[in-house]
Amino acid sequence: MNFFAKFYGFFSTRIEALKKVVDVRDVLILSGLSMLGYGLYLLYPWLSFTVCGALILAGGFFMKVD
């Protein structure tokens, strides 16, 4: 019990910072890309790497930079 109480402040501040940085859209995009990649990997592994690589490239290319 003392172990958890000792690190509670450390983990709570990290979780709060993570909540401010990560958006719901980020989670949905990454989970959708992962499921697409896994599904295509079951069909043809080369197709999976090609499609997911192209989607990551397109996402990075069209990413909005402030």
C-alpha atoms as a PDB file:
ATOM      1  CA  MET A   1       0.000   0.000   0.000  1.00  0.00           C
ATOM      2  CA  ASN A   2       2.810   2.381   0.807  1.00  0.00           C
ATOM      3  CA  PHE A   3       4.343   1.733  -2.615  1.00  0.00           C
ATOM      4  CA  PHE A   4       1.231   2.979  -4.398  1.00  0.00           C
ATOM      5  CA  ALA A   5       0.871   5.993  -2.146  1.00  0.00           C
ATOM      6  CA  LYS A   6       4.488   6.916  -2.791  1.00  0.00           C
ATOM      7  CA  PHE A   7       4.101   7.053  -6.567  1.00  0.00           C
ATOM      8  CA  TYR A   8       0.508   8.327  -6.721  1.00  0.00           C
ATOM      9  CA  GLY A   9       1.576  11.929  -7.256  1.00  0.00           C
ATOM     10  CA  PHE A  10       4.031  10.973  -9.960  1.00  0.00           C
ATOM     11  CA  PHE A  11       1.520   8.928 -11.958  1.00  0.00           C
ATOM     12  CA  SER A  12      -1.374  11.328 -11.486  1.00  0.00           C
ATOM     13  CA  THR A  13       0.597  14.237 -12.940  1.00  0.00           C
ATOM     14  CA  ARG A  14       1.712  12.103 -15.894  1.00  0.00           C
ATOM     15  CA  ILE A  15      -1.841  10.971 -16.596  1.00  0.00           C
ATOM     16  CA  GLU A  16      -3.150  14.532 -16.465  1.00  0.00           C
ATOM     17  CA  ALA A  17      -0.447  15.670 -18.885  1.00  0.00           C
ATOM     18  CA  LEU A  18      -1.269  12.772 -21.213  1.00  0.00           C
ATOM     19  CA  LYS A  19      -4.964  13.687 -21.172  1.00  0.00           C
ATOM     20  CA  LYS A  20      -4.101  17.207 -22.299  1.00  0.00           C
ATOM     21  CA  VAL A  21      -1.916  16.022 -25.181  1.00  0.00           C
ATOM     22  CA  VAL A  22      -3.818  13.033 -26.589  1.00  0.00           C
ATOM     23  CA  ASP A  23      -7.071  13.682 -28.402  1.00  0.00           C
ATOM     24  CA  VAL A  24      -9.851  11.209 -29.135  1.00  0.00           C
ATOM     25  CA  ARG A  25      -9.123  11.534 -32.856  1.00  0.00           C
ATOM     26  CA  ASP A  26      -5.556  10.374 -32.289  1.00  0.00           C
ATOM     27  CA  VAL A  27      -6.751   7.232 -30.551  1.00  0.00           C
ATOM     28  CA  LEU A  28      -9.326   6.498 -33.247  1.00  0.00           C
ATOM     29  CA  ILE A  29      -6.855   7.012 -36.092  1.00  0.00           C
ATOM     30  CA  LEU A  30      -4.193   4.810 -34.521  1.00  0.00           C
ATOM     31  CA  SER A  31      -6.618   2.061 -33.568  1.00  0.00           C
ATOM     32  CA  GLY A  32      -8.243   2.100 -37.019  1.00  0.00           C
ATOM     33  CA  LEU A  33      -4.866   1.986 -38.724  1.00  0.00           C
ATOM     34  CA  SER A  34      -3.815  -0.899 -36.493  1.00  0.00           C
ATOM     35  CA  MET A  35      -6.963  -2.888 -37.239  1.00  0.00           C
ATOM     36  CA  LEU A  36      -6.628  -2.213 -40.965  1.00  0.00           C
ATOM     37  CA  GLY A  37      -3.002  -3.301 -40.891  1.00  0.00           C
ATOM     38  CA  TYR A  38      -3.742  -6.477 -38.993  1.00  0.00           C
ATOM     39  CA  GLY A  39      -6.659  -7.397 -41.239  1.00  0.00           C
ATOM     40  CA  LEU A  40      -4.632  -6.891 -44.380  1.00  0.00           C
ATOM     41  CA  TYR A  41      -1.675  -8.737 -42.838  1.00  0.00           C
ATOM     42  CA  LEU A  42      -3.875 -11.810 -42.496  1.00  0.00           C
ATOM     43  CA  LEU A  43      -4.703 -11.590 -46.192  1.00  0.00           C
ATOM     44  CA  TYR A  44      -1.388 -10.514 -47.744  1.00  0.00           C
ATOM     45  CA  PRO A  45       1.457  -9.229 -45.544  1.00  0.00           C
ATOM     46  CA  TRP A  46       3.029  -7.155 -48.322  1.00  0.00           C
ATOM     47  CA  LEU A  47      -0.300  -5.423 -48.927  1.00  0.00           C
ATOM     48  CA  SER A  48      -0.578  -4.544 -45.261  1.00  0.00           C
ATOM     49  CA  PHE A  49       2.793  -2.813 -45.116  1.00  0.00           C
ATOM     50  CA  THR A  50       2.173  -0.994 -48.382  1.00  0.00           C
ATOM     51  CA  VAL A  51      -1.284   0.347 -47.504  1.00  0.00           C
ATOM     52  CA  CYS A  52      -0.437   1.309 -43.924  1.00  0.00           C
ATOM     53  CA  GLY A  53       2.814   2.925 -45.015  1.00  0.00           C
ATOM     54  CA  ALA A  54       0.971   4.978 -47.622  1.00  0.00           C
ATOM     55  CA  LEU A  55      -1.653   6.055 -45.076  1.00  0.00           C
ATOM     56  CA  ILE A  56       1.010   7.079 -42.562  1.00  0.00           C
ATOM     57  CA  LEU A  57       2.842   8.987 -45.297  1.00  0.00           C
ATOM     58  CA  ALA A  58      -0.367  10.764 -46.337  1.00  0.00           C
ATOM     59  CA  GLY A  59      -1.209  11.563 -42.711  1.00  0.00           C
ATOM     60  CA  GLY A  60       2.203  13.054 -42.150  1.00  0.00           C
ATOM     61  CA  PHE A  61       2.065  14.972 -45.402  1.00  0.00           C
ATOM     62  CA  PHE A  62      -1.301  16.566 -44.654  1.00  0.00           C
ATOM     63  CA  MET A  63      -0.622  17.125 -40.957  1.00  0.00           C
ATOM     64  CA  LYS A  64      -1.425  20.608 -39.813  1.00  0.00           C
ATOM     65  CA  VAL A  65       1.544  22.396 -38.256  1.00  0.00           C
ATOM     66  CA  ASP A  66       0.855  25.418 -36.076  1.00  0.00           C
END
